[in-house]
Amino acid sequence: MNIQDIIEGKKKWREEWRTHMARVKALPQDYQIVYKEIQRYLFKVGPVELTGGTGLLAGIIDFFEEGAALGKGVLEVTGSDVAAFCDDLIKDSKTYADIYQESVGQEVSKAMKKVTDKTK
């Protein structure tokens, strides 16, 4: 991969993001508010797949557009516990928290092995 490929990839991602955000802005106000909270939640929880584009987020917008078209309020679509809705969306996804937990576990195992080896 050369620098031109990187630049083109970033341009493509920016355009995809602009289109994505235009769809968000076209949603009813209650959907926009909940979408932004979901986005914030997912960025904090950190499903690894979010770094690869807007796939999961675009799927949420598709879902929200359908709900809005049916005249439903956003909480009729997500349920009143939006965090639980998010957790359900990513329950089978690897998160950065998972990676960090694995890393901590490996580091503790290494450290304990060193301590055990010294005491033998």
C-alpha atoms as a PDB file:
ATOM      1  CA  MET A   1       0.000   0.000   0.000  1.00  0.00           C
ATOM      2  CA  ASN A   2       1.445   3.360  -0.991  1.00  0.00           C
ATOM      3  CA  ILE A   3       0.663   6.868   0.213  1.00  0.00           C
ATOM      4  CA  GLN A   4      -1.740   7.501  -2.686  1.00  0.00           C
ATOM      5  CA  ASP A   5      -3.812   4.459  -1.679  1.00  0.00           C
ATOM      6  CA  ILE A   6      -3.975   5.774   1.888  1.00  0.00           C
ATOM      7  CA  ILE A   7      -5.072   9.231   0.726  1.00  0.00           C
ATOM      8  CA  GLU A   8      -7.719   7.769  -1.585  1.00  0.00           C
ATOM      9  CA  GLY A   9      -8.967   5.514   1.207  1.00  0.00           C
ATOM     10  CA  LYS A  10      -9.336   8.495   3.541  1.00  0.00           C
ATOM     11  CA  LYS A  11     -11.173  10.499   0.872  1.00  0.00           C
ATOM     12  CA  LYS A  12     -13.552   7.606   0.273  1.00  0.00           C
ATOM     13  CA  TRP A  13     -14.140   7.201   4.024  1.00  0.00           C
ATOM     14  CA  ARG A  14     -14.833  10.938   4.467  1.00  0.00           C
ATOM     15  CA  GLU A  15     -17.370  10.900   1.642  1.00  0.00           C
ATOM     16  CA  GLU A  16     -19.016   7.780   3.068  1.00  0.00           C
ATOM     17  CA  TRP A  17     -19.168   9.471   6.495  1.00  0.00           C
ATOM     18  CA  ARG A  18     -20.724  12.656   5.045  1.00  0.00           C
ATOM     19  CA  THR A  19     -23.396  10.604   3.294  1.00  0.00           C
ATOM     20  CA  HIS A  20     -23.971   8.645   6.487  1.00  0.00           C
ATOM     21  CA  MET A  21     -24.402  11.793   8.586  1.00  0.00           C
ATOM     22  CA  ALA A  22     -26.769  13.297   5.991  1.00  0.00           C
ATOM     23  CA  ARG A  23     -28.997  10.249   6.509  1.00  0.00           C
ATOM     24  CA  VAL A  24     -28.880  10.815  10.268  1.00  0.00           C
ATOM     25  CA  LYS A  25     -29.887  14.460   9.840  1.00  0.00           C
ATOM     26  CA  ALA A  26     -32.840  13.396   7.690  1.00  0.00           C
ATOM     27  CA  LEU A  27     -34.263  11.306  10.558  1.00  0.00           C
ATOM     28  CA  PRO A  28     -36.924  12.717  12.910  1.00  0.00           C
ATOM     29  CA  GLN A  29     -35.488  14.598  15.895  1.00  0.00           C
ATOM     30  CA  ASP A  30     -36.103  11.818  18.453  1.00  0.00           C
ATOM     31  CA  TYR A  31     -34.294   9.329  16.216  1.00  0.00           C
ATOM     32  CA  GLN A  32     -31.360  11.727  15.791  1.00  0.00           C
ATOM     33  CA  ILE A  33     -30.997  12.115  19.544  1.00  0.00           C
ATOM     34  CA  VAL A  34     -31.039   8.376  20.178  1.00  0.00           C
ATOM     35  CA  TYR A  35     -28.748   7.684  17.207  1.00  0.00           C
ATOM     36  CA  LYS A  36     -26.138  10.103  18.582  1.00  0.00           C
ATOM     37  CA  GLU A  37     -26.321   8.426  21.993  1.00  0.00           C
ATOM     38  CA  ILE A  38     -25.955   4.991  20.386  1.00  0.00           C
ATOM     39  CA  GLN A  39     -22.994   6.217  18.364  1.00  0.00           C
ATOM     40  CA  ARG A  40     -21.370   7.678  21.476  1.00  0.00           C
ATOM     41  CA  TYR A  41     -22.010   4.453  23.409  1.00  0.00           C
ATOM     42  CA  LEU A  42     -20.584   2.251  20.661  1.00  0.00           C
ATOM     43  CA  PHE A  43     -17.505   4.435  20.266  1.00  0.00           C
ATOM     44  CA  LYS A  44     -16.845   4.108  24.016  1.00  0.00           C
ATOM     45  CA  VAL A  45     -17.536   0.382  24.208  1.00  0.00           C
ATOM     46  CA  GLY A  46     -15.464  -0.096  21.107  1.00  0.00           C
ATOM     47  CA  PRO A  47     -16.636  -2.883  18.831  1.00  0.00           C
ATOM     48  CA  VAL A  48     -13.611  -3.508  16.625  1.00  0.00           C
ATOM     49  CA  GLU A  49     -15.753  -3.612  13.476  1.00  0.00           C
ATOM     50  CA  LEU A  50     -16.573   0.109  13.805  1.00  0.00           C
ATOM     51  CA  THR A  51     -13.061   0.964  12.638  1.00  0.00           C
ATOM     52  CA  GLY A  52     -13.765  -0.660   9.284  1.00  0.00           C
ATOM     53  CA  GLY A  53     -16.397   1.795   8.091  1.00  0.00           C
ATOM     54  CA  THR A  54     -20.010   2.629   8.791  1.00  0.00           C
ATOM     55  CA  GLY A  55     -21.497  -0.870   8.382  1.00  0.00           C
ATOM     56  CA  LEU A  56     -23.037  -1.321  11.838  1.00  0.00           C
ATOM     57  CA  LEU A  57     -24.007   2.330  12.102  1.00  0.00           C
ATOM     58  CA  ALA A  58     -25.538   2.300   8.622  1.00  0.00           C
ATOM     59  CA  GLY A  59     -27.554  -0.740   9.639  1.00  0.00           C
ATOM     60  CA  ILE A  60     -28.903   1.203  12.614  1.00  0.00           C
ATOM     61  CA  ILE A  61     -29.910   4.051  10.306  1.00  0.00           C
ATOM     62  CA  ASP A  62     -31.663   1.574   7.981  1.00  0.00           C
ATOM     63  CA  PHE A  63     -33.549   0.234  11.001  1.00  0.00           C
ATOM     64  CA  PHE A  64     -34.405   3.746  12.176  1.00  0.00           C
ATOM     65  CA  GLU A  65     -35.556   4.842   8.717  1.00  0.00           C
ATOM     66  CA  GLU A  66     -37.937   1.874   8.617  1.00  0.00           C
ATOM     67  CA  GLY A  67     -39.290   2.680  12.083  1.00  0.00           C
ATOM     68  CA  ALA A  68     -39.780   6.337  11.207  1.00  0.00           C
ATOM     69  CA  ALA A  69     -41.504   5.421   7.936  1.00  0.00           C
ATOM     70  CA  LEU A  70     -43.962   3.306   9.941  1.00  0.00           C
ATOM     71  CA  GLY A  71     -44.649   6.291  12.181  1.00  0.00           C
ATOM     72  CA  LYS A  72     -43.119   4.692  15.267  1.00  0.00           C
ATOM     73  CA  GLY A  73     -41.322   6.648  17.953  1.00  0.00           C
ATOM     74  CA  VAL A  74     -37.668   5.765  18.355  1.00  0.00           C
ATOM     75  CA  LEU A  75     -38.127   4.091  21.747  1.00  0.00           C
ATOM     76  CA  GLU A  76     -40.796   1.852  20.198  1.00  0.00           C
ATOM     77  CA  VAL A  77     -38.044   0.670  17.866  1.00  0.00           C
ATOM     78  CA  THR A  78     -35.146   0.356  20.335  1.00  0.00           C
ATOM     79  CA  GLY A  79     -36.995  -0.240  23.579  1.00  0.00           C
ATOM     80  CA  SER A  80     -36.621   2.064  26.567  1.00  0.00           C
ATOM     81  CA  ASP A  81     -33.173   0.685  27.534  1.00  0.00           C
ATOM     82  CA  VAL A  82     -31.047   1.981  24.679  1.00  0.00           C
ATOM     83  CA  ALA A  83     -27.799   0.679  26.228  1.00  0.00           C
ATOM     84  CA  ALA A  84     -29.279  -2.842  26.294  1.00  0.00           C
ATOM     85  CA  PHE A  85     -30.279  -2.360  22.646  1.00  0.00           C
ATOM     86  CA  CYS A  86     -26.656  -1.480  21.853  1.00  0.00           C
ATOM     87  CA  ASP A  87     -25.287  -4.393  23.865  1.00  0.00           C
ATOM     88  CA  ASP A  88     -27.574  -6.743  21.968  1.00  0.00           C
ATOM     89  CA  LEU A  89     -26.316  -5.355  18.651  1.00  0.00           C
ATOM     90  CA  ILE A  90     -22.700  -6.101  19.518  1.00  0.00           C
ATOM     91  CA  LYS A  91     -23.101  -9.193  21.691  1.00  0.00           C
ATOM     92  CA  ASP A  92     -21.256 -11.371  19.165  1.00  0.00           C
ATOM     93  CA  SER A  93     -18.685  -8.713  18.226  1.00  0.00           C
ATOM     94  CA  LYS A  94     -15.163  -8.471  19.519  1.00  0.00           C
ATOM     95  CA  THR A  95     -14.607  -5.201  21.376  1.00  0.00           C
ATOM     96  CA  TYR A  96     -11.503  -3.313  22.356  1.00  0.00           C
ATOM     97  CA  ALA A  97     -12.427  -4.147  25.947  1.00  0.00           C
ATOM     98  CA  ASP A  98     -12.216  -7.853  25.026  1.00  0.00           C
ATOM     99  CA  ILE A  99      -8.784  -7.330  23.489  1.00  0.00           C
ATOM    100  CA  TYR A 100      -7.629  -5.406  26.550  1.00  0.00           C
ATOM    101  CA  GLN A 101      -8.939  -8.088  28.913  1.00  0.00           C
ATOM    102  CA  GLU A 102      -7.078 -10.758  26.939  1.00  0.00           C
ATOM    103  CA  SER A 103      -3.917  -8.658  27.081  1.00  0.00           C
ATOM    104  CA  VAL A 104      -4.212  -8.162  30.847  1.00  0.00           C
ATOM    105  CA  GLY A 105      -4.768 -11.881  31.322  1.00  0.00           C
ATOM    106  CA  GLN A 106      -1.666 -12.703  29.274  1.00  0.00           C
ATOM    107  CA  GLU A 107       0.457 -10.181  31.171  1.00  0.00           C
ATOM    108  CA  VAL A 108      -0.678 -11.536  34.550  1.00  0.00           C
ATOM    109  CA  SER A 109       0.064 -15.094  33.399  1.00  0.00           C
ATOM    110  CA  LYS A 110       3.567 -14.098  32.264  1.00  0.00           C
ATOM    111  CA  ALA A 111       4.264 -12.277  35.524  1.00  0.00           C
ATOM    112  CA  MET A 112       3.002 -15.182  37.620  1.00  0.00           C
ATOM    113  CA  LYS A 113       5.096 -17.631  35.607  1.00  0.00           C
ATOM    114  CA  LYS A 114       8.207 -15.545  36.269  1.00  0.00           C
ATOM    115  CA  VAL A 115       7.444 -15.471  39.993  1.00  0.00           C
ATOM    116  CA  THR A 116       6.817 -19.221  40.020  1.00  0.00           C
ATOM    117  CA  ASP A 117      10.023 -19.911  38.058  1.00  0.00           C
ATOM    118  CA  LYS A 118      12.098 -17.814  40.541  1.00  0.00           C
ATOM    119  CA  THR A 119      10.738 -19.692  43.533  1.00  0.00           C
ATOM    120  CA  LYS A 120      11.697 -23.118  42.141  1.00  0.00           C
END
